[in-house]
């Protein structure tokens, strides 16, 4: 699960840096989709609550001192995202 949170953080960071259609965005989406498929092989969904400096993933808080998850939570918090639910049927085209 921690690897997925890091992958999401990296992907969101790349989307803030590169324009649409950039090859690195495609690789970011593929990486997220791969990690997500591994995690969702064991469950049907993942619920992520967003706080200012940490995430709560399926009821377990991430470490606020972990740079990648802290940055992800801050980016989502600034965009006023309070929660994210990811389902097992997510594919590359479903991610921005």
N, C-alpha and C. Protein backbone atom coordinates (compact mmCIF):
# COMPACT_ATOMS: atom_id res chain seq x y z
N UNK A 1 0.83 -1.19 0.00
CA UNK A 1 0.00 0.00 0.00
C UNK A 1 0.87 1.26 0.00
N UNK A 2 1.98 1.21 0.75
CA UNK A 2 2.88 2.36 0.81
C UNK A 2 3.44 2.68 -0.57
N UNK A 3 3.77 1.63 -1.34
CA UNK A 3 4.29 1.84 -2.69
C UNK A 3 3.26 2.52 -3.59
N UNK A 4 2.00 2.17 -3.42
CA UNK A 4 0.94 2.80 -4.20
C UNK A 4 0.84 4.28 -3.84
N UNK A 5 0.92 4.62 -2.56
CA UNK A 5 0.84 6.02 -2.16
C UNK A 5 2.01 6.82 -2.74
N UNK A 6 3.19 6.23 -2.76
CA UNK A 6 4.35 6.89 -3.35
C UNK A 6 4.14 7.07 -4.85
N UNK A 7 3.64 6.03 -5.51
CA UNK A 7 3.38 6.10 -6.95
C UNK A 7 2.35 7.19 -7.26
N UNK A 8 1.30 7.30 -6.46
CA UNK A 8 0.31 8.36 -6.64
C UNK A 8 0.93 9.74 -6.46
N UNK A 9 1.78 9.87 -5.46
CA UNK A 9 2.46 11.14 -5.21
C UNK A 9 3.32 11.55 -6.39
N UNK A 10 4.11 10.62 -6.89
CA UNK A 10 4.99 10.89 -8.03
C UNK A 10 4.16 11.25 -9.26
N UNK A 11 3.08 10.50 -9.49
CA UNK A 11 2.21 10.77 -10.63
C UNK A 11 1.58 12.15 -10.57
N UNK A 12 1.07 12.54 -9.42
CA UNK A 12 0.45 13.86 -9.27
C UNK A 12 1.50 14.96 -9.46
N UNK A 13 2.68 14.71 -8.95
CA UNK A 13 3.78 15.68 -9.11
C UNK A 13 4.11 15.86 -10.59
N UNK A 14 4.18 14.76 -11.33
CA UNK A 14 4.49 14.85 -12.76
C UNK A 14 3.39 15.61 -13.50
N UNK A 15 2.13 15.39 -13.11
CA UNK A 15 1.03 16.09 -13.77
C UNK A 15 1.08 17.58 -13.50
N UNK A 16 1.67 17.99 -12.39
CA UNK A 16 1.78 19.42 -12.12
C UNK A 16 2.96 20.04 -12.87
N UNK A 17 3.89 19.21 -13.34
CA UNK A 17 5.10 19.71 -14.00
C UNK A 17 5.05 19.68 -15.53
N UNK A 18 4.44 18.66 -16.11
CA UNK A 18 4.53 18.44 -17.55
C UNK A 18 3.19 18.71 -18.24
N UNK A 19 3.25 19.15 -19.51
CA UNK A 19 2.02 19.41 -20.26
C UNK A 19 1.35 18.11 -20.69
N UNK A 20 0.07 18.20 -21.01
CA UNK A 20 -0.67 17.04 -21.51
C UNK A 20 0.04 16.43 -22.72
N UNK A 21 0.05 15.11 -22.77
CA UNK A 21 0.67 14.40 -23.88
C UNK A 21 2.15 14.11 -23.69
N UNK A 22 2.74 14.62 -22.63
CA UNK A 22 4.17 14.36 -22.39
C UNK A 22 4.37 12.88 -22.07
N UNK A 23 5.44 12.26 -22.61
CA UNK A 23 5.67 10.83 -22.40
C UNK A 23 5.80 10.43 -20.92
N UNK A 24 6.31 11.30 -20.09
CA UNK A 24 6.44 10.95 -18.67
C UNK A 24 5.09 10.83 -17.97
N UNK A 25 4.08 11.51 -18.49
CA UNK A 25 2.74 11.38 -17.91
C UNK A 25 2.17 9.99 -18.20
N UNK A 26 2.43 9.50 -19.40
CA UNK A 26 1.96 8.16 -19.77
C UNK A 26 2.60 7.10 -18.88
N UNK A 27 3.90 7.25 -18.63
CA UNK A 27 4.57 6.28 -17.76
C UNK A 27 4.08 6.39 -16.32
N UNK A 28 3.74 7.60 -15.88
CA UNK A 28 3.21 7.78 -14.53
C UNK A 28 1.87 7.07 -14.37
N UNK A 29 1.00 7.22 -15.35
CA UNK A 29 -0.31 6.57 -15.31
C UNK A 29 -0.16 5.05 -15.34
N UNK A 30 0.75 4.55 -16.17
CA UNK A 30 0.98 3.11 -16.24
C UNK A 30 1.49 2.57 -14.91
N UNK A 31 2.40 3.31 -14.28
CA UNK A 31 2.92 2.89 -12.98
C UNK A 31 1.86 2.84 -11.91
N UNK A 32 1.00 3.85 -11.89
CA UNK A 32 -0.09 3.88 -10.91
C UNK A 32 -1.05 2.73 -11.16
N UNK A 33 -1.40 2.50 -12.42
CA UNK A 33 -2.34 1.44 -12.76
C UNK A 33 -1.79 0.07 -12.37
N UNK A 34 -0.50 -0.14 -12.61
CA UNK A 34 0.14 -1.42 -12.25
C UNK A 34 0.09 -1.64 -10.73
N UNK A 35 0.51 -0.63 -9.98
CA UNK A 35 0.50 -0.74 -8.51
C UNK A 35 -0.91 -0.95 -7.98
N UNK A 36 -1.83 -0.21 -8.56
CA UNK A 36 -3.22 -0.31 -8.13
C UNK A 36 -3.77 -1.71 -8.38
N UNK A 37 -3.43 -2.29 -9.51
CA UNK A 37 -3.89 -3.65 -9.83
C UNK A 37 -3.36 -4.65 -8.81
N UNK A 38 -2.10 -4.47 -8.39
CA UNK A 38 -1.53 -5.37 -7.38
C UNK A 38 -2.26 -5.26 -6.05
N UNK A 39 -2.52 -4.04 -5.63
CA UNK A 39 -3.20 -3.82 -4.34
C UNK A 39 -4.65 -4.28 -4.41
N UNK A 40 -5.31 -4.01 -5.53
CA UNK A 40 -6.73 -4.35 -5.65
C UNK A 40 -6.97 -5.82 -5.98
N UNK A 41 -5.92 -6.57 -6.17
CA UNK A 41 -6.07 -8.02 -6.35
C UNK A 41 -6.55 -8.67 -5.06
N UNK A 42 -6.30 -8.00 -3.95
CA UNK A 42 -6.65 -8.52 -2.63
C UNK A 42 -7.94 -7.92 -2.06
N UNK A 43 -8.46 -6.87 -2.71
CA UNK A 43 -9.66 -6.19 -2.20
C UNK A 43 -10.40 -5.54 -3.35
N UNK A 44 -11.62 -5.08 -3.11
CA UNK A 44 -12.42 -4.48 -4.17
C UNK A 44 -12.22 -2.98 -4.30
N UNK A 45 -11.80 -2.33 -3.21
CA UNK A 45 -11.64 -0.88 -3.25
C UNK A 45 -10.66 -0.42 -2.18
N UNK A 46 -10.19 0.82 -2.34
CA UNK A 46 -9.33 1.46 -1.35
C UNK A 46 -9.94 2.82 -1.06
N UNK A 47 -10.14 3.13 0.20
CA UNK A 47 -10.64 4.44 0.60
C UNK A 47 -9.49 5.23 1.21
N UNK A 48 -9.30 6.45 0.71
CA UNK A 48 -8.21 7.31 1.17
C UNK A 48 -8.81 8.63 1.64
N UNK A 49 -8.64 8.94 2.92
CA UNK A 49 -9.05 10.23 3.46
C UNK A 49 -7.84 11.15 3.47
N UNK A 50 -8.08 12.42 3.20
CA UNK A 50 -6.99 13.38 3.06
C UNK A 50 -7.01 14.36 4.23
N UNK A 51 -5.87 14.48 4.90
CA UNK A 51 -5.66 15.50 5.92
C UNK A 51 -4.53 16.39 5.41
N UNK A 52 -4.23 17.46 6.12
CA UNK A 52 -3.22 18.41 5.65
C UNK A 52 -1.84 17.77 5.45
N UNK A 53 -1.40 16.94 6.39
CA UNK A 53 -0.03 16.41 6.31
C UNK A 53 0.06 14.89 6.33
N UNK A 54 -1.06 14.22 6.20
CA UNK A 54 -1.03 12.76 6.11
C UNK A 54 -2.32 12.25 5.47
N UNK A 55 -2.29 10.99 5.10
CA UNK A 55 -3.46 10.33 4.53
C UNK A 55 -3.93 9.27 5.50
N UNK A 56 -5.19 8.91 5.39
CA UNK A 56 -5.72 7.78 6.15
C UNK A 56 -6.22 6.78 5.11
N UNK A 57 -5.48 5.68 4.98
CA UNK A 57 -5.76 4.68 3.95
C UNK A 57 -6.42 3.49 4.62
N UNK A 58 -7.69 3.26 4.27
CA UNK A 58 -8.47 2.17 4.86
C UNK A 58 -8.36 2.15 6.38
N UNK A 59 -8.45 3.34 6.98
CA UNK A 59 -8.46 3.46 8.44
C UNK A 59 -7.10 3.54 9.09
N UNK A 60 -6.02 3.46 8.31
CA UNK A 60 -4.66 3.51 8.86
C UNK A 60 -3.99 4.79 8.39
N UNK A 61 -3.52 5.61 9.33
CA UNK A 61 -2.88 6.88 8.99
C UNK A 61 -1.45 6.64 8.50
N UNK A 62 -1.06 7.41 7.48
CA UNK A 62 0.32 7.37 7.01
C UNK A 62 1.18 8.21 7.94
N UNK A 63 2.47 7.99 7.85
CA UNK A 63 3.43 8.72 8.68
C UNK A 63 3.58 10.14 8.15
N UNK A 64 3.26 11.16 8.94
CA UNK A 64 3.38 12.55 8.47
C UNK A 64 4.81 12.95 8.12
N UNK A 65 5.80 12.20 8.60
CA UNK A 65 7.19 12.54 8.29
C UNK A 65 7.68 11.90 6.98
N UNK A 66 6.86 11.02 6.38
CA UNK A 66 7.23 10.41 5.09
C UNK A 66 7.00 11.44 3.99
N UNK A 67 8.06 11.82 3.31
CA UNK A 67 8.01 12.93 2.36
C UNK A 67 6.98 12.73 1.25
N UNK A 68 6.96 11.59 0.61
CA UNK A 68 6.08 11.37 -0.54
C UNK A 68 4.61 11.41 -0.15
N UNK A 69 4.25 10.73 0.93
CA UNK A 69 2.83 10.72 1.32
C UNK A 69 2.41 12.07 1.91
N UNK A 70 3.34 12.74 2.59
CA UNK A 70 3.03 14.07 3.11
C UNK A 70 2.78 15.04 1.96
N UNK A 71 3.64 14.99 0.91
CA UNK A 71 3.47 15.85 -0.25
C UNK A 71 2.17 15.56 -0.99
N UNK A 72 1.84 14.26 -1.11
CA UNK A 72 0.58 13.88 -1.76
C UNK A 72 -0.60 14.43 -0.98
N UNK A 73 -0.58 14.27 0.32
CA UNK A 73 -1.71 14.76 1.13
C UNK A 73 -1.82 16.28 1.03
N UNK A 74 -0.71 16.98 1.04
CA UNK A 74 -0.74 18.44 0.95
C UNK A 74 -1.27 18.89 -0.41
N UNK A 75 -0.84 18.23 -1.49
CA UNK A 75 -1.34 18.59 -2.82
C UNK A 75 -2.84 18.36 -2.93
N UNK A 76 -3.31 17.24 -2.43
CA UNK A 76 -4.75 16.96 -2.47
C UNK A 76 -5.51 17.91 -1.57
N UNK A 77 -4.97 18.19 -0.40
CA UNK A 77 -5.60 19.11 0.56
C UNK A 77 -5.76 20.50 -0.06
N UNK A 78 -4.71 20.97 -0.74
CA UNK A 78 -4.76 22.30 -1.39
C UNK A 78 -5.80 22.34 -2.49
N UNK A 79 -6.07 21.20 -3.11
CA UNK A 79 -7.09 21.14 -4.16
C UNK A 79 -8.48 20.86 -3.57
N UNK A 80 -8.54 20.88 -2.25
CA UNK A 80 -9.79 20.66 -1.50
C UNK A 80 -10.39 19.29 -1.76
N UNK A 81 -9.51 18.28 -1.90
CA UNK A 81 -9.95 16.90 -2.03
C UNK A 81 -9.98 16.31 -0.63
N UNK A 82 -11.12 15.86 -0.19
CA UNK A 82 -11.26 15.31 1.16
C UNK A 82 -11.11 13.81 1.22
N UNK A 83 -11.43 13.14 0.12
CA UNK A 83 -11.35 11.68 0.09
C UNK A 83 -11.27 11.19 -1.35
N UNK A 84 -10.67 10.02 -1.50
CA UNK A 84 -10.56 9.37 -2.80
C UNK A 84 -10.90 7.90 -2.58
N UNK A 85 -11.73 7.36 -3.47
CA UNK A 85 -12.04 5.93 -3.42
C UNK A 85 -11.63 5.35 -4.77
N UNK A 86 -10.79 4.32 -4.72
CA UNK A 86 -10.31 3.65 -5.93
C UNK A 86 -10.90 2.26 -5.97
N UNK A 87 -11.49 1.90 -7.10
CA UNK A 87 -12.14 0.61 -7.26
C UNK A 87 -11.31 -0.32 -8.14
N UNK A 88 -11.58 -1.60 -8.05
CA UNK A 88 -10.80 -2.60 -8.75
C UNK A 88 -10.85 -2.51 -10.27
N UNK A 89 -11.81 -1.88 -10.84
CA UNK A 89 -11.94 -1.81 -12.30
C UNK A 89 -11.20 -0.61 -12.92
N UNK A 90 -10.40 0.11 -12.16
CA UNK A 90 -9.69 1.28 -12.68
C UNK A 90 -8.70 0.86 -13.76
N UNK A 91 -8.72 1.60 -14.88
CA UNK A 91 -7.81 1.35 -15.99
C UNK A 91 -7.08 2.64 -16.34
N UNK A 92 -6.07 2.56 -17.22
CA UNK A 92 -5.28 3.74 -17.58
C UNK A 92 -6.16 4.91 -18.01
N UNK A 93 -7.16 4.66 -18.83
CA UNK A 93 -8.02 5.73 -19.34
C UNK A 93 -8.87 6.41 -18.28
N UNK A 94 -9.02 5.79 -17.12
CA UNK A 94 -9.82 6.37 -16.06
C UNK A 94 -9.04 7.41 -15.25
N UNK A 95 -7.72 7.34 -15.34
CA UNK A 95 -6.88 8.28 -14.61
C UNK A 95 -6.58 9.46 -15.50
N UNK A 96 -6.56 10.69 -14.93
CA UNK A 96 -6.32 11.89 -15.77
C UNK A 96 -4.95 11.89 -16.38
